[in-house]
Amino acid sequence: MSPTISSPTCASAFSEATVTAENPEPLLSDPQQLLKLAAYHMPFGKYKGRLLVDLPEPYVVWFAKQGFPAGELGKMLAIVHEIKVNGLEYLFDPLRR
């Protein structure tokens, strides 16, 4: 059974929080993308194998300063960054159960 977003507040909080000056389009416009993010693992480096949502905030902030990798991983890391720096990590809790 896959987790679902049961609260429209959760989905709207993500959509609003992920719009940035550099990218006026929401990074997380599809709630199903949140489910994918919740299962996405870091493919390399010190935190290889760890869920992106569980990466330490300083590591994600460092990536943001260095530049996110190209492709899907970069998009996912950008979403995680926005969630963490805006204090929205609690929204991952229902997806971890």
PDB file of N, CA and C in Angstrom:
ATOM      1  N   MET A   1       0.845  -1.177   0.000  1.00  0.00           N
ATOM      2  CA  MET A   1       0.000   0.000   0.000  1.00  0.00           C
ATOM      3  C   MET A   1       0.891   1.240   0.000  1.00  0.00           C
ATOM      4  N   SER A   2       0.703   2.098  -0.943  1.00  0.00           N
ATOM      5  CA  SER A   2       1.531   3.297  -1.009  1.00  0.00           C
ATOM      6  C   SER A   2       0.900   4.414  -0.201  1.00  0.00           C
ATOM      7  N   PRO A   3       1.744   5.263   0.432  1.00  0.00           N
ATOM      8  CA  PRO A   3       1.197   6.366   1.216  1.00  0.00           C
ATOM      9  C   PRO A   3       0.523   7.390   0.318  1.00  0.00           C
ATOM     10  N   THR A   4      -0.474   8.044   0.870  1.00  0.00           N
ATOM     11  CA  THR A   4      -1.170   9.089   0.131  1.00  0.00           C
ATOM     12  C   THR A   4      -1.183  10.353   0.952  1.00  0.00           C
ATOM     13  N   ILE A   5      -1.329  11.460   0.292  1.00  0.00           N
ATOM     14  CA  ILE A   5      -1.450  12.739   0.973  1.00  0.00           C
ATOM     15  C   ILE A   5      -2.917  12.913   1.314  1.00  0.00           C
ATOM     16  N   SER A   6      -3.210  12.895   2.614  1.00  0.00           N
ATOM     17  CA  SER A   6      -4.606  12.938   3.023  1.00  0.00           C
ATOM     18  C   SER A   6      -5.106  14.348   3.277  1.00  0.00           C
ATOM     19  N   SER A   7      -4.221  15.295   3.321  1.00  0.00           N
ATOM     20  CA  SER A   7      -4.636  16.654   3.649  1.00  0.00           C
ATOM     21  C   SER A   7      -4.342  17.593   2.489  1.00  0.00           C
ATOM     22  N   PRO A   8      -5.356  18.319   2.004  1.00  0.00           N
ATOM     23  CA  PRO A   8      -5.086  19.290   0.948  1.00  0.00           C
ATOM     24  C   PRO A   8      -4.157  20.393   1.436  1.00  0.00           C
ATOM     25  N   THR A   9      -4.105  20.607   2.761  1.00  0.00           N
ATOM     26  CA  THR A   9      -3.217  21.613   3.325  1.00  0.00           C
ATOM     27  C   THR A   9      -1.765  21.239   3.057  1.00  0.00           C
ATOM     28  N   CYS A  10      -1.438  19.942   3.198  1.00  0.00           N
ATOM     29  CA  CYS A  10      -0.070  19.490   2.936  1.00  0.00           C
ATOM     30  C   CYS A  10       0.325  19.798   1.495  1.00  0.00           C
ATOM     31  N   ALA A  11      -0.526  19.418   0.563  1.00  0.00           N
ATOM     32  CA  ALA A  11      -0.213  19.626  -0.850  1.00  0.00           C
ATOM     33  C   ALA A  11      -0.082  21.108  -1.167  1.00  0.00           C
ATOM     34  N   SER A  12      -0.973  21.931  -0.631  1.00  0.00           N
ATOM     35  CA  SER A  12      -0.895  23.357  -0.943  1.00  0.00           C
ATOM     36  C   SER A  12       0.322  23.986  -0.287  1.00  0.00           C
ATOM     37  N   ALA A  13       0.709  23.524   0.895  1.00  0.00           N
ATOM     38  CA  ALA A  13       1.897  24.064   1.552  1.00  0.00           C
ATOM     39  C   ALA A  13       3.136  23.786   0.715  1.00  0.00           C
ATOM     40  N   PHE A  14       3.226  22.576   0.142  1.00  0.00           N
ATOM     41  CA  PHE A  14       4.366  22.267  -0.709  1.00  0.00           C
ATOM     42  C   PHE A  14       4.362  23.120  -1.961  1.00  0.00           C
ATOM     43  N   SER A  15       3.230  23.263  -2.602  1.00  0.00           N
ATOM     44  CA  SER A  15       3.165  24.041  -3.834  1.00  0.00           C
ATOM     45  C   SER A  15       3.557  25.483  -3.599  1.00  0.00           C
ATOM     46  N   GLU A  16       3.084  26.069  -2.512  1.00  0.00           N
ATOM     47  CA  GLU A  16       3.410  27.460  -2.223  1.00  0.00           C
ATOM     48  C   GLU A  16       4.873  27.616  -1.815  1.00  0.00           C
ATOM     49  N   ALA A  17       5.387  26.666  -1.042  1.00  0.00           N
ATOM     50  CA  ALA A  17       6.734  26.801  -0.498  1.00  0.00           C
ATOM     51  C   ALA A  17       7.810  26.582  -1.542  1.00  0.00           C
ATOM     52  N   THR A  18       7.493  25.933  -2.636  1.00  0.00           N
ATOM     53  CA  THR A  18       8.529  25.589  -3.589  1.00  0.00           C
ATOM     54  C   THR A  18       8.630  26.555  -4.760  1.00  0.00           C
ATOM     55  N   VAL A  19       7.900  27.643  -4.737  1.00  0.00           N
ATOM     56  CA  VAL A  19       8.040  28.660  -5.770  1.00  0.00           C
ATOM     57  C   VAL A  19       9.157  29.597  -5.339  1.00  0.00           C
ATOM     58  N   THR A  20      10.159  29.756  -6.183  1.00  0.00           N
ATOM     59  CA  THR A  20      11.294  30.610  -5.841  1.00  0.00           C
ATOM     60  C   THR A  20      11.440  31.713  -6.881  1.00  0.00           C
ATOM     61  N   ALA A  21      12.247  32.719  -6.538  1.00  0.00           N
ATOM     62  CA  ALA A  21      12.486  33.823  -7.469  1.00  0.00           C
ATOM     63  C   ALA A  21      13.178  33.325  -8.733  1.00  0.00           C
ATOM     64  N   GLU A  22      14.082  32.363  -8.567  1.00  0.00           N
ATOM     65  CA  GLU A  22      14.819  31.838  -9.717  1.00  0.00           C
ATOM     66  C   GLU A  22      13.933  30.948 -10.577  1.00  0.00           C
ATOM     67  N   ASN A  23      12.958  30.304  -9.946  1.00  0.00           N
ATOM     68  CA  ASN A  23      12.087  29.371 -10.646  1.00  0.00           C
ATOM     69  C   ASN A  23      10.646  29.679 -10.265  1.00  0.00           C
ATOM     70  N   PRO A  24       9.936  30.483 -11.045  1.00  0.00           N
ATOM     71  CA  PRO A  24       8.575  30.856 -10.684  1.00  0.00           C
ATOM     72  C   PRO A  24       7.579  29.701 -10.756  1.00  0.00           C
ATOM     73  N   GLU A  25       7.942  28.606 -11.393  1.00  0.00           N
ATOM     74  CA  GLU A  25       7.078  27.434 -11.454  1.00  0.00           C
ATOM     75  C   GLU A  25       7.252  26.631 -10.167  1.00  0.00           C
ATOM     76  N   PRO A  26       6.183  26.090  -9.613  1.00  0.00           N
ATOM     77  CA  PRO A  26       6.311  25.261  -8.414  1.00  0.00           C
ATOM     78  C   PRO A  26       7.199  24.052  -8.693  1.00  0.00           C
ATOM     79  N   LEU A  27       8.113  23.763  -7.773  1.00  0.00           N
ATOM     80  CA  LEU A  27       8.968  22.590  -7.928  1.00  0.00           C
ATOM     81  C   LEU A  27       8.184  21.315  -7.693  1.00  0.00           C
ATOM     82  N   LEU A  28       7.151  21.418  -6.898  1.00  0.00           N
ATOM     83  CA  LEU A  28       6.374  20.239  -6.537  1.00  0.00           C
ATOM     84  C   LEU A  28       4.909  20.514  -6.822  1.00  0.00           C
ATOM     85  N   SER A  29       4.557  20.553  -8.091  1.00  0.00           N
ATOM     86  CA  SER A  29       3.187  20.877  -8.472  1.00  0.00           C
ATOM     87  C   SER A  29       2.267  19.660  -8.448  1.00  0.00           C
ATOM     88  N   ASP A  30       2.830  18.464  -8.489  1.00  0.00           N
ATOM     89  CA  ASP A  30       2.051  17.231  -8.491  1.00  0.00           C
ATOM     90  C   ASP A  30       2.239  16.519  -7.149  1.00  0.00           C
ATOM     91  N   PRO A  31       1.173  16.324  -6.369  1.00  0.00           N
ATOM     92  CA  PRO A  31       1.320  15.651  -5.076  1.00  0.00           C
ATOM     93  C   PRO A  31       1.941  14.258  -5.184  1.00  0.00           C
ATOM     94  N   GLN A  32       1.775  13.581  -6.319  1.00  0.00           N
ATOM     95  CA  GLN A  32       2.389  12.264  -6.483  1.00  0.00           C
ATOM     96  C   GLN A  32       3.911  12.365  -6.500  1.00  0.00           C
ATOM     97  N   GLN A  33       4.416  13.525  -6.880  1.00  0.00           N
ATOM     98  CA  GLN A  33       5.861  13.717  -6.879  1.00  0.00           C
ATOM     99  C   GLN A  33       6.396  13.674  -5.449  1.00  0.00           C
ATOM    100  N   LEU A  34       5.592  14.091  -4.492  1.00  0.00           N
ATOM    101  CA  LEU A  34       5.976  14.018  -3.089  1.00  0.00           C
ATOM    102  C   LEU A  34       6.186  12.566  -2.672  1.00  0.00           C
ATOM    103  N   LEU A  35       5.324  11.689  -3.137  1.00  0.00           N
ATOM    104  CA  LEU A  35       5.477  10.266  -2.831  1.00  0.00           C
ATOM    105  C   LEU A  35       6.766   9.721  -3.428  1.00  0.00           C
ATOM    106  N   LYS A  36       7.077  10.144  -4.630  1.00  0.00           N
ATOM    107  CA  LYS A  36       8.324   9.720  -5.265  1.00  0.00           C
ATOM    108  C   LYS A  36       9.513  10.247  -4.481  1.00  0.00           C
ATOM    109  N   LEU A  37       9.428  11.500  -4.064  1.00  0.00           N
ATOM    110  CA  LEU A  37      10.505  12.110  -3.279  1.00  0.00           C
ATOM    111  C   LEU A  37      10.731  11.348  -1.980  1.00  0.00           C
ATOM    112  N   ALA A  38       9.657  10.922  -1.347  1.00  0.00           N
ATOM    113  CA  ALA A  38       9.756  10.215  -0.066  1.00  0.00           C
ATOM    114  C   ALA A  38      10.511   8.896  -0.196  1.00  0.00           C
ATOM    115  N   ALA A  39      10.578   8.325  -1.401  1.00  0.00           N
ATOM    116  CA  ALA A  39      11.250   7.046  -1.616  1.00  0.00           C
ATOM    117  C   ALA A  39      12.583   7.189  -2.348  1.00  0.00           C
ATOM    118  N   TYR A  40      13.001   8.405  -2.656  1.00  0.00           N
ATOM    119  CA  TYR A  40      14.196   8.649  -3.467  1.00  0.00           C
ATOM    120  C   TYR A  40      15.453   8.585  -2.599  1.00  0.00           C
ATOM    121  N   HIS A  41      16.419   7.773  -2.994  1.00  0.00           N
ATOM    122  CA  HIS A  41      17.660   7.602  -2.244  1.00  0.00           C
ATOM    123  C   HIS A  41      18.812   8.374  -2.883  1.00  0.00           C
ATOM    124  N   MET A  42      19.718   8.830  -2.054  1.00  0.00           N
ATOM    125  CA  MET A  42      20.931   9.508  -2.533  1.00  0.00           C
ATOM    126  C   MET A  42      21.792   8.455  -3.229  1.00  0.00           C
ATOM    127  N   PRO A  43      22.155   8.675  -4.485  1.00  0.00           N
ATOM    128  CA  PRO A  43      22.861   7.636  -5.237  1.00  0.00           C
ATOM    129  C   PRO A  43      24.386   7.622  -5.072  1.00  0.00           C
ATOM    130  N   PHE A  44      24.958   8.616  -4.391  1.00  0.00           N
ATOM    131  CA  PHE A  44      26.424   8.666  -4.289  1.00  0.00           C
ATOM    132  C   PHE A  44      26.844   9.450  -3.053  1.00  0.00           C
ATOM    133  N   GLY A  45      28.144   9.419  -2.786  1.00  0.00           N
ATOM    134  CA  GLY A  45      28.727  10.248  -1.736  1.00  0.00           C
ATOM    135  C   GLY A  45      28.582   9.703  -0.331  1.00  0.00           C
ATOM    136  N   LYS A  46      28.867  10.558   0.610  1.00  0.00           N
ATOM    137  CA  LYS A  46      28.866  10.216   2.034  1.00  0.00           C
ATOM    138  C   LYS A  46      27.526   9.642   2.485  1.00  0.00           C
ATOM    139  N   TYR A  47      26.449  10.130   1.921  1.00  0.00           N
ATOM    140  CA  TYR A  47      25.109   9.712   2.329  1.00  0.00           C
ATOM    141  C   TYR A  47      24.450   8.778   1.314  1.00  0.00           C
ATOM    142  N   LYS A  48      25.267   8.067   0.546  1.00  0.00           N
ATOM    143  CA  LYS A  48      24.749   7.123  -0.445  1.00  0.00           C
ATOM    144  C   LYS A  48      23.795   6.140   0.228  1.00  0.00           C
ATOM    145  N   GLY A  49      22.619   5.963  -0.392  1.00  0.00           N
ATOM    146  CA  GLY A  49      21.630   5.031   0.118  1.00  0.00           C
ATOM    147  C   GLY A  49      20.636   5.644   1.091  1.00  0.00           C
ATOM    148  N   ARG A  50      20.919   6.833   1.597  1.00  0.00           N
ATOM    149  CA  ARG A  50      20.005   7.487   2.533  1.00  0.00           C
ATOM    150  C   ARG A  50      18.881   8.168   1.758  1.00  0.00           C
ATOM    151  N   LEU A  51      17.684   8.148   2.321  1.00  0.00           N
ATOM    152  CA  LEU A  51      16.573   8.858   1.694  1.00  0.00           C
ATOM    153  C   LEU A  51      16.895  10.342   1.620  1.00  0.00           C
ATOM    154  N   LEU A  52      16.547  10.976   0.512  1.00  0.00           N
ATOM    155  CA  LEU A  52      16.810  12.410   0.373  1.00  0.00           C
ATOM    156  C   LEU A  52      16.143  13.207   1.484  1.00  0.00           C
ATOM    157  N   VAL A  53      14.965  12.792   1.896  1.00  0.00           N
ATOM    158  CA  VAL A  53      14.254  13.527   2.950  1.00  0.00           C
ATOM    159  C   VAL A  53      14.966  13.423   4.289  1.00  0.00           C
ATOM    160  N   ASP A  54      15.874  12.461   4.424  1.00  0.00           N
ATOM    161  CA  ASP A  54      16.615  12.275   5.674  1.00  0.00           C
ATOM    162  C   ASP A  54      18.039  12.831   5.617  1.00  0.00           C
ATOM    163  N   LEU A  55      18.403  13.480   4.525  1.00  0.00           N
ATOM    164  CA  LEU A  55      19.728  14.092   4.448  1.00  0.00           C
ATOM    165  C   LEU A  55      19.816  15.240   5.450  1.00  0.00           C
ATOM    166  N   PRO A  56      20.981  15.436   6.077  1.00  0.00           N
ATOM    167  CA  PRO A  56      21.134  16.559   7.004  1.00  0.00           C
ATOM    168  C   PRO A  56      20.970  17.888   6.270  1.00  0.00           C
ATOM    169  N   GLU A  57      20.305  18.823   6.911  1.00  0.00           N
ATOM    170  CA  GLU A  57      20.059  20.128   6.286  1.00  0.00           C
ATOM    171  C   GLU A  57      21.353  20.814   5.838  1.00  0.00           C
ATOM    172  N   PRO A  58      22.434  20.806   6.656  1.00  0.00           N
ATOM    173  CA  PRO A  58      23.664  21.471   6.190  1.00  0.00           C
ATOM    174  C   PRO A  58      24.199  20.897   4.873  1.00  0.00           C
ATOM    175  N   TYR A  59      24.030  19.598   4.671  1.00  0.00           N
ATOM    176  CA  TYR A  59      24.469  18.960   3.430  1.00  0.00           C
ATOM    177  C   TYR A  59      23.640  19.452   2.249  1.00  0.00           C
ATOM    178  N   VAL A  60      22.329  19.551   2.451  1.00  0.00           N
ATOM    179  CA  VAL A  60      21.439  20.014   1.387  1.00  0.00           C
ATOM    180  C   VAL A  60      21.711  21.493   1.080  1.00  0.00           C
ATOM    181  N   VAL A  61      21.957  22.282   2.114  1.00  0.00           N
ATOM    182  CA  VAL A  61      22.284  23.699   1.921  1.00  0.00           C
ATOM    183  C   VAL A  61      23.605  23.826   1.166  1.00  0.00           C
ATOM    184  N   TRP A  62      24.577  22.980   1.484  1.00  0.00           N
ATOM    185  CA  TRP A  62      25.854  22.998   0.764  1.00  0.00           C
ATOM    186  C   TRP A  62      25.624  22.717  -0.720  1.00  0.00           C
ATOM    187  N   PHE A  63      24.788  21.725  -1.011  1.00  0.00           N
ATOM    188  CA  PHE A  63      24.460  21.421  -2.407  1.00  0.00           C
ATOM    189  C   PHE A  63      23.842  22.626  -3.087  1.00  0.00           C
ATOM    190  N   ALA A  64      22.956  23.312  -2.387  1.00  0.00           N
ATOM    191  CA  ALA A  64      22.294  24.483  -2.970  1.00  0.00           C
ATOM    192  C   ALA A  64      23.326  25.547  -3.331  1.00  0.00           C
ATOM    193  N   LYS A  65      24.327  25.731  -2.486  1.00  0.00           N
ATOM    194  CA  LYS A  65      25.369  26.728  -2.756  1.00  0.00           C
ATOM    195  C   LYS A  65      26.277  26.297  -3.905  1.00  0.00           C
ATOM    196  N   GLN A  66      26.575  25.008  -3.987  1.00  0.00           N
ATOM    197  CA  GLN A  66      27.458  24.478  -5.024  1.00  0.00           C
ATOM    198  C   GLN A  66      26.744  24.348  -6.368  1.00  0.00           C
ATOM    199  N   GLY A  67      25.447  24.160  -6.302  1.00  0.00           N
ATOM    200  CA  GLY A  67      24.651  23.889  -7.502  1.00  0.00           C
ATOM    201  C   GLY A  67      24.185  22.446  -7.482  1.00  0.00           C
ATOM    202  N   PHE A  68      22.900  22.257  -7.670  1.00  0.00           N
ATOM    203  CA  PHE A  68      22.361  20.903  -7.681  1.00  0.00           C
ATOM    204  C   PHE A  68      22.764  20.198  -8.967  1.00  0.00           C
ATOM    205  N   PRO A  69      22.912  18.866  -8.909  1.00  0.00           N
ATOM    206  CA  PRO A  69      23.239  18.128 -10.129  1.00  0.00           C
ATOM    207  C   PRO A  69      22.110  18.253 -11.157  1.00  0.00           C
ATOM    208  N   ALA A  70      22.438  18.004 -12.391  1.00  0.00           N
ATOM    209  CA  ALA A  70      21.433  18.045 -13.459  1.00  0.00           C
ATOM    210  C   ALA A  70      20.483  16.861 -13.320  1.00  0.00           C
ATOM    211  N   GLY A  71      19.330  17.000 -13.920  1.00  0.00           N
ATOM    212  CA  GLY A  71      18.389  15.891 -13.990  1.00  0.00           C
ATOM    213  C   GLY A  71      17.476  15.777 -12.795  1.00  0.00           C
ATOM    214  N   GLU A  72      16.877  14.595 -12.681  1.00  0.00           N
ATOM    215  CA  GLU A  72      15.876  14.346 -11.650  1.00  0.00           C
ATOM    216  C   GLU A  72      16.450  14.488 -10.238  1.00  0.00           C
ATOM    217  N   LEU A  73      17.667  14.010 -10.016  1.00  0.00           N
ATOM    218  CA  LEU A  73      18.272  14.136  -8.688  1.00  0.00           C
ATOM    219  C   LEU A  73      18.363  15.600  -8.278  1.00  0.00           C
ATOM    220  N   GLY A  74      18.790  16.452  -9.173  1.00  0.00           N
ATOM    221  CA  GLY A  74      18.889  17.875  -8.871  1.00  0.00           C
ATOM    222  C   GLY A  74      17.535  18.481  -8.530  1.00  0.00           C
ATOM    223  N   LYS A  75      16.507  18.092  -9.270  1.00  0.00           N
ATOM    224  CA  LYS A  75      15.155  18.595  -8.983  1.00  0.00           C
ATOM    225  C   LYS A  75      14.691  18.132  -7.608  1.00  0.00           C
ATOM    226  N   MET A  76      14.948  16.865  -7.307  1.00  0.00           N
ATOM    227  CA  MET A  76      14.541  16.329  -6.009  1.00  0.00           C
ATOM    228  C   MET A  76      15.296  17.007  -4.870  1.00  0.00           C
ATOM    229  N   LEU A  77      16.596  17.225  -5.049  1.00  0.00           N
ATOM    230  CA  LEU A  77      17.377  17.911  -4.013  1.00  0.00           C
ATOM    231  C   LEU A  77      16.911  19.348  -3.829  1.00  0.00           C
ATOM    232  N   ALA A  78      16.521  20.005  -4.909  1.00  0.00           N
ATOM    233  CA  ALA A  78      16.012  21.377  -4.810  1.00  0.00           C
ATOM    234  C   ALA A  78      14.713  21.408  -4.003  1.00  0.00           C
ATOM    235  N   ILE A  79      13.871  20.416  -4.200  1.00  0.00           N
ATOM    236  CA  ILE A  79      12.627  20.331  -3.437  1.00  0.00           C
ATOM    237  C   ILE A  79      12.935  20.106  -1.957  1.00  0.00           C
ATOM    238  N   VAL A  80      13.839  19.163  -1.674  1.00  0.00           N
ATOM    239  CA  VAL A  80      14.216  18.885  -0.285  1.00  0.00           C
ATOM    240  C   VAL A  80      14.788  20.144   0.358  1.00  0.00           C
ATOM    241  N   HIS A  81      15.608  20.875  -0.372  1.00  0.00           N
ATOM    242  CA  HIS A  81      16.193  22.113   0.150  1.00  0.00           C
ATOM    243  C   HIS A  81      15.103  23.102   0.541  1.00  0.00           C
ATOM    244  N   GLU A  82      14.161  23.335  -0.349  1.00  0.00           N
ATOM    245  CA  GLU A  82      13.078  24.283  -0.054  1.00  0.00           C
ATOM    246  C   GLU A  82      12.267  23.849   1.157  1.00  0.00           C
ATOM    247  N   ILE A  83      12.004  22.569   1.261  1.00  0.00           N
ATOM    248  CA  ILE A  83      11.225  22.047   2.384  1.00  0.00           C
ATOM    249  C   ILE A  83      11.988  22.249   3.696  1.00  0.00           C
ATOM    250  N   LYS A  84      13.266  21.894   3.692  1.00  0.00           N
ATOM    251  CA  LYS A  84      14.053  21.987   4.919  1.00  0.00           C
ATOM    252  C   LYS A  84      14.274  23.430   5.360  1.00  0.00           C
ATOM    253  N   VAL A  85      14.655  24.313   4.458  1.00  0.00           N
ATOM    254  CA  VAL A  85      14.947  25.695   4.868  1.00  0.00           C
ATOM    255  C   VAL A  85      13.691  26.469   5.251  1.00  0.00           C
ATOM    256  N   ASN A  86      12.526  25.982   4.840  1.00  0.00           N
ATOM    257  CA  ASN A  86      11.272  26.638   5.212  1.00  0.00           C
ATOM    258  C   ASN A  86      10.584  25.963   6.403  1.00  0.00           C
ATOM    259  N   GLY A  87      11.284  25.018   7.039  1.00  0.00           N
ATOM    260  CA  GLY A  87      10.750  24.385   8.236  1.00  0.00           C
ATOM    261  C   GLY A  87       9.540  23.504   8.002  1.00  0.00           C
ATOM    262  N   LEU A  88       9.442  22.903   6.828  1.00  0.00           N
ATOM    263  CA  LEU A  88       8.277  22.084   6.484  1.00  0.00           C
ATOM    264  C   LEU A  88       8.560  20.586   6.564  1.00  0.00           C
ATOM    265  N   GLU A  89       9.631  20.197   7.221  1.00  0.00           N
ATOM    266  CA  GLU A  89       9.997  18.786   7.289  1.00  0.00           C
ATOM    267  C   GLU A  89       8.915  17.917   7.918  1.00  0.00           C
ATOM    268  N   TYR A  90       8.096  18.497   8.769  1.00  0.00           N
ATOM    269  CA  TYR A  90       7.021  17.733   9.410  1.00  0.00           C
ATOM    270  C   TYR A  90       6.062  17.147   8.364  1.00  0.00           C
ATOM    271  N   LEU A  91       6.029  17.722   7.189  1.00  0.00           N
ATOM    272  CA  LEU A  91       5.149  17.202   6.149  1.00  0.00           C
ATOM    273  C   LEU A  91       5.594  15.829   5.642  1.00  0.00           C
ATOM    274  N   PHE A  92       6.844  15.460   5.920  1.00  0.00           N
ATOM    275  CA  PHE A  92       7.332  14.135   5.528  1.00  0.00           C
ATOM    276  C   PHE A  92       6.884  13.055   6.507  1.00  0.00           C
ATOM    277  N   ASP A  93       6.511  13.439   7.718  1.00  0.00           N
ATOM    278  CA  ASP A  93       6.198  12.451   8.747  1.00  0.00           C
ATOM    279  C   ASP A  93       5.164  11.401   8.315  1.00  0.00           C
ATOM    280  N   PRO A  94       4.035  11.800   7.715  1.00  0.00           N
ATOM    281  CA  PRO A  94       3.062  10.764   7.303  1.00  0.00           C
ATOM    282  C   PRO A  94       3.623   9.828   6.235  1.00  0.00           C
ATOM    283  N   LEU A  95       4.602  10.263   5.491  1.00  0.00           N
ATOM    284  CA  LEU A  95       5.169   9.430   4.422  1.00  0.00           C
ATOM    285  C   LEU A  95       6.194   8.442   4.950  1.00  0.00           C
ATOM    286  N   ARG A  96       6.684   8.653   6.153  1.00  0.00           N
ATOM    287  CA  ARG A  96       7.689   7.760   6.748  1.00  0.00           C
ATOM    288  C   ARG A  96       7.034   6.573   7.440  1.00  0.00           C
ATOM    289  N   ARG A  97       5.744   6.597   7.635  1.00  0.00           N
ATOM    290  CA  ARG A  97       5.047   5.525   8.387  1.00  0.00           C
ATOM    291  C   ARG A  97       4.772   4.327   7.527  1.00  0.00           C
TER     292      ARG A  97
END
